[in-house]
Amino acid sequence: MKIYRRYEVRETPLHRFAIGQQVRLRSGGGAMMKPTAIFEILATLPPLGHSFQYRIRDAEEKHERMTTEDNLEAIDIWSSGDRNSFRVPANA
């Protein structure tokens, strides 16, 4: 017996950032926010339109923020200015 579905089964898309991951706001964080502020993902939230939402917090602030995925960028080792610390010493 064949079963025909009237709708397409879609997989739930995954969030790009994980809880505990450190991120930076791309822009529009507010007048009082430092441009170098680093935030931690506290929770993943359902999408707003086509972009997932996150609850984030900077360690220096007392409050949490909510933002969408398109306003965040991941922090990795190449985003810092000190790339020499990742090189192998010449005499090694």
Foldseek 3Di string as FASTA:
>chain_A
DDDDDPDDDDDDDDAPDDAQFKKAFQDDPDPPDDNPFIKGFHDWADDDVPWTKTWIDTPPDPDIDIDTPVRIDGDDPVVDPPPVVVDDDPVD
